Amino acid sequence: MSKKSVMIWAWVDKEVRTLVEKIAESQGISISEYVRQLVLQDLDKRSIFTTKLKEAVKMAEGMNNQDLEGASGGL
């Protein structure tokens, strides 16, 4: 995770908060960590990370191809 974290707020009713507190406590984690894990799991299910990873790989491959072209002297 990036060192530059930002906060995401959400309003829930008291019953939801109580359930979240109990679940987080049973897992030995904070409410913040529990909600963070839920967000990350949802993004993962939506293949957000896979898409971002593929974009990064394509970008890196493009940079490597440019390096190879430059090193070959444009042959």
N, C-alpha and C. Protein backbone atom coordinates (compact mmCIF):
# COMPACT_ATOMS: atom_id res chain seq x y z
N MET A 1 0.84 -1.18 0.00
CA MET A 1 0.00 0.00 0.00
C MET A 1 0.89 1.24 0.00
N SER A 2 0.43 2.25 -0.64
CA SER A 2 1.17 3.50 -0.73
C SER A 2 1.31 4.14 0.65
N LYS A 3 2.43 4.81 0.86
CA LYS A 3 2.64 5.53 2.12
C LYS A 3 1.73 6.74 2.21
N LYS A 4 1.27 7.23 1.06
CA LYS A 4 0.39 8.39 1.04
C LYS A 4 -1.06 7.90 1.05
N SER A 5 -1.56 7.58 2.21
CA SER A 5 -2.92 7.09 2.34
C SER A 5 -3.90 8.25 2.49
N VAL A 6 -5.12 8.03 2.08
CA VAL A 6 -6.18 9.01 2.26
C VAL A 6 -7.34 8.32 2.96
N MET A 7 -8.16 9.11 3.61
CA MET A 7 -9.28 8.56 4.35
C MET A 7 -10.54 8.57 3.49
N ILE A 8 -11.30 7.50 3.61
CA ILE A 8 -12.62 7.41 2.97
C ILE A 8 -13.64 7.29 4.10
N TRP A 9 -14.63 8.15 4.06
CA TRP A 9 -15.66 8.16 5.10
C TRP A 9 -16.92 7.50 4.59
N ALA A 10 -17.68 6.90 5.50
CA ALA A 10 -18.97 6.32 5.14
C ALA A 10 -19.90 6.40 6.35
N TRP A 11 -21.12 6.78 6.08
CA TRP A 11 -22.13 6.82 7.13
C TRP A 11 -22.91 5.51 7.11
N VAL A 12 -23.08 4.89 8.28
CA VAL A 12 -23.89 3.68 8.42
C VAL A 12 -24.75 3.81 9.66
N ASP A 13 -25.80 3.01 9.72
CA ASP A 13 -26.63 3.09 10.92
C ASP A 13 -25.95 2.34 12.07
N LYS A 14 -26.50 2.51 13.27
CA LYS A 14 -25.88 1.95 14.47
C LYS A 14 -25.79 0.43 14.42
N GLU A 15 -26.79 -0.22 13.85
CA GLU A 15 -26.77 -1.69 13.77
C GLU A 15 -25.60 -2.18 12.90
N VAL A 16 -25.37 -1.50 11.79
CA VAL A 16 -24.27 -1.88 10.90
C VAL A 16 -22.94 -1.65 11.63
N ARG A 17 -22.81 -0.53 12.29
CA ARG A 17 -21.56 -0.26 13.01
C ARG A 17 -21.31 -1.32 14.07
N THR A 18 -22.34 -1.71 14.79
CA THR A 18 -22.18 -2.74 15.82
C THR A 18 -21.72 -4.05 15.21
N LEU A 19 -22.31 -4.43 14.08
CA LEU A 19 -21.90 -5.67 13.39
C LEU A 19 -20.44 -5.57 12.93
N VAL A 20 -20.08 -4.43 12.35
CA VAL A 20 -18.71 -4.24 11.87
C VAL A 20 -17.73 -4.30 13.03
N GLU A 21 -18.07 -3.68 14.16
CA GLU A 21 -17.20 -3.72 15.33
C GLU A 21 -16.98 -5.16 15.79
N LYS A 22 -18.07 -5.94 15.83
CA LYS A 22 -17.96 -7.34 16.29
C LYS A 22 -17.12 -8.18 15.33
N ILE A 23 -17.33 -8.00 14.04
CA ILE A 23 -16.57 -8.77 13.06
C ILE A 23 -15.09 -8.41 13.12
N ALA A 24 -14.80 -7.11 13.15
CA ALA A 24 -13.40 -6.66 13.22
C ALA A 24 -12.73 -7.18 14.49
N GLU A 25 -13.43 -7.08 15.59
CA GLU A 25 -12.88 -7.56 16.86
C GLU A 25 -12.61 -9.06 16.81
N SER A 26 -13.54 -9.81 16.22
CA SER A 26 -13.36 -11.27 16.14
C SER A 26 -12.16 -11.64 15.27
N GLN A 27 -11.81 -10.77 14.32
CA GLN A 27 -10.65 -11.01 13.46
C GLN A 27 -9.37 -10.40 14.01
N GLY A 28 -9.51 -9.68 15.11
CA GLY A 28 -8.35 -9.07 15.75
C GLY A 28 -7.79 -7.89 14.97
N ILE A 29 -8.67 -7.17 14.26
CA ILE A 29 -8.25 -6.02 13.48
C ILE A 29 -9.13 -4.82 13.81
N SER A 30 -8.68 -3.64 13.40
CA SER A 30 -9.47 -2.43 13.64
C SER A 30 -10.62 -2.35 12.64
N ILE A 31 -11.57 -1.49 12.92
CA ILE A 31 -12.67 -1.24 11.98
C ILE A 31 -12.09 -0.69 10.67
N SER A 32 -11.13 0.18 10.78
CA SER A 32 -10.50 0.76 9.60
C SER A 32 -9.88 -0.32 8.72
N GLU A 33 -9.15 -1.23 9.33
CA GLU A 33 -8.52 -2.31 8.57
C GLU A 33 -9.58 -3.23 7.95
N TYR A 34 -10.63 -3.51 8.67
CA TYR A 34 -11.72 -4.35 8.16
C TYR A 34 -12.35 -3.72 6.92
N VAL A 35 -12.66 -2.43 6.99
CA VAL A 35 -13.27 -1.73 5.86
C VAL A 35 -12.28 -1.65 4.70
N ARG A 36 -11.00 -1.41 4.99
CA ARG A 36 -9.97 -1.37 3.95
C ARG A 36 -9.91 -2.71 3.22
N GLN A 37 -9.96 -3.80 3.97
CA GLN A 37 -9.93 -5.13 3.35
C GLN A 37 -11.16 -5.36 2.47
N LEU A 38 -12.32 -4.89 2.93
CA LEU A 38 -13.54 -5.03 2.12
C LEU A 38 -13.42 -4.28 0.80
N VAL A 39 -12.89 -3.07 0.85
CA VAL A 39 -12.73 -2.27 -0.36
C VAL A 39 -11.77 -2.97 -1.31
N LEU A 40 -10.63 -3.44 -0.79
CA LEU A 40 -9.64 -4.11 -1.63
C LEU A 40 -10.20 -5.40 -2.23
N GLN A 41 -10.97 -6.16 -1.46
CA GLN A 41 -11.59 -7.38 -1.97
C GLN A 41 -12.57 -7.07 -3.09
N ASP A 42 -13.34 -6.00 -2.94
CA ASP A 42 -14.30 -5.62 -3.97
C ASP A 42 -13.56 -5.20 -5.25
N LEU A 43 -12.52 -4.41 -5.11
CA LEU A 43 -11.74 -4.00 -6.28
C LEU A 43 -11.13 -5.21 -6.97
N ASP A 44 -10.66 -6.16 -6.18
CA ASP A 44 -10.06 -7.37 -6.74
C ASP A 44 -11.11 -8.18 -7.50
N LYS A 45 -12.31 -8.31 -6.95
CA LYS A 45 -13.38 -9.04 -7.63
C LYS A 45 -13.74 -8.39 -8.96
N ARG A 46 -13.60 -7.09 -9.03
CA ARG A 46 -13.92 -6.35 -10.25
C ARG A 46 -12.74 -6.31 -11.22
N SER A 47 -11.68 -7.02 -10.89
CA SER A 47 -10.47 -7.12 -11.71
C SER A 47 -9.77 -5.78 -11.90
N ILE A 48 -9.96 -4.86 -10.99
CA ILE A 48 -9.31 -3.55 -11.07
C ILE A 48 -7.79 -3.72 -11.00
N PHE A 49 -7.34 -4.56 -10.08
CA PHE A 49 -5.90 -4.74 -9.92
C PHE A 49 -5.30 -5.41 -11.14
N THR A 50 -5.99 -6.38 -11.70
CA THR A 50 -5.50 -7.07 -12.89
C THR A 50 -5.37 -6.09 -14.05
N THR A 51 -6.37 -5.25 -14.23
CA THR A 51 -6.35 -4.25 -15.30
C THR A 51 -5.18 -3.29 -15.10
N LYS A 52 -5.00 -2.79 -13.89
CA LYS A 52 -3.90 -1.86 -13.60
C LYS A 52 -2.55 -2.53 -13.82
N LEU A 53 -2.43 -3.79 -13.42
CA LEU A 53 -1.18 -4.53 -13.59
C LEU A 53 -0.87 -4.71 -15.07
N LYS A 54 -1.89 -5.07 -15.86
CA LYS A 54 -1.69 -5.23 -17.30
C LYS A 54 -1.25 -3.92 -17.94
N GLU A 55 -1.84 -2.80 -17.52
CA GLU A 55 -1.45 -1.49 -18.05
C GLU A 55 0.01 -1.19 -17.70
N ALA A 56 0.41 -1.50 -16.49
CA ALA A 56 1.79 -1.24 -16.06
C ALA A 56 2.77 -2.11 -16.85
N VAL A 57 2.40 -3.37 -17.10
CA VAL A 57 3.27 -4.26 -17.86
C VAL A 57 3.42 -3.76 -19.29
N LYS A 58 2.31 -3.35 -19.92
CA LYS A 58 2.36 -2.82 -21.28
C LYS A 58 3.25 -1.58 -21.34
N MET A 59 3.12 -0.71 -20.34
CA MET A 59 3.92 0.51 -20.31
C MET A 59 5.40 0.16 -20.17
N ALA A 60 5.71 -0.79 -19.30
CA ALA A 60 7.10 -1.20 -19.09
C ALA A 60 7.65 -1.86 -20.35
N GLU A 61 6.85 -2.68 -21.01
CA GLU A 61 7.30 -3.32 -22.25
C GLU A 61 7.56 -2.27 -23.32
N GLY A 62 6.72 -1.26 -23.39
CA GLY A 62 6.92 -0.18 -24.35
C GLY A 62 8.22 0.56 -24.09
N MET A 63 8.51 0.80 -22.82
CA MET A 63 9.76 1.48 -22.46
C MET A 63 10.95 0.60 -22.83
N ASN A 64 10.85 -0.69 -22.57
CA ASN A 64 11.95 -1.61 -22.90
C ASN A 64 12.17 -1.66 -24.40
N ASN A 65 11.10 -1.66 -25.18
CA ASN A 65 11.22 -1.68 -26.64
C ASN A 65 11.92 -0.41 -27.14
N GLN A 66 11.59 0.74 -26.55
CA GLN A 66 12.23 1.99 -26.93
C GLN A 66 13.71 1.93 -26.58
N ASP A 67 14.05 1.37 -25.43
CA ASP A 67 15.46 1.23 -25.03
C ASP A 67 16.21 0.36 -26.02
N LEU A 68 15.59 -0.74 -26.45
CA LEU A 68 16.23 -1.65 -27.39
C LEU A 68 16.43 -0.98 -28.74
N GLU A 69 15.47 -0.21 -29.20
CA GLU A 69 15.59 0.49 -30.47
C GLU A 69 16.72 1.51 -30.42
N GLY A 70 16.81 2.21 -29.31
CA GLY A 70 17.88 3.20 -29.14
C GLY A 70 19.25 2.55 -29.08
N ALA A 71 19.33 1.40 -28.43
CA ALA A 71 20.61 0.71 -28.27
C ALA A 71 21.07 0.11 -29.59
N SER A 72 20.14 -0.24 -30.47
CA SER A 72 20.53 -0.86 -31.75
C SER A 72 20.94 0.17 -32.78
N GLY A 73 20.83 1.43 -32.44
CA GLY A 73 21.22 2.49 -33.36
C GLY A 73 20.24 2.69 -34.49
N GLY A 74 19.00 2.26 -34.26
CA GLY A 74 17.95 2.44 -35.24
C GLY A 74 18.07 1.50 -36.43
N LEU A 75 18.75 0.34 -36.25
CA LEU A 75 18.90 -0.62 -37.33
C LEU A 75 17.63 -1.27 -37.71
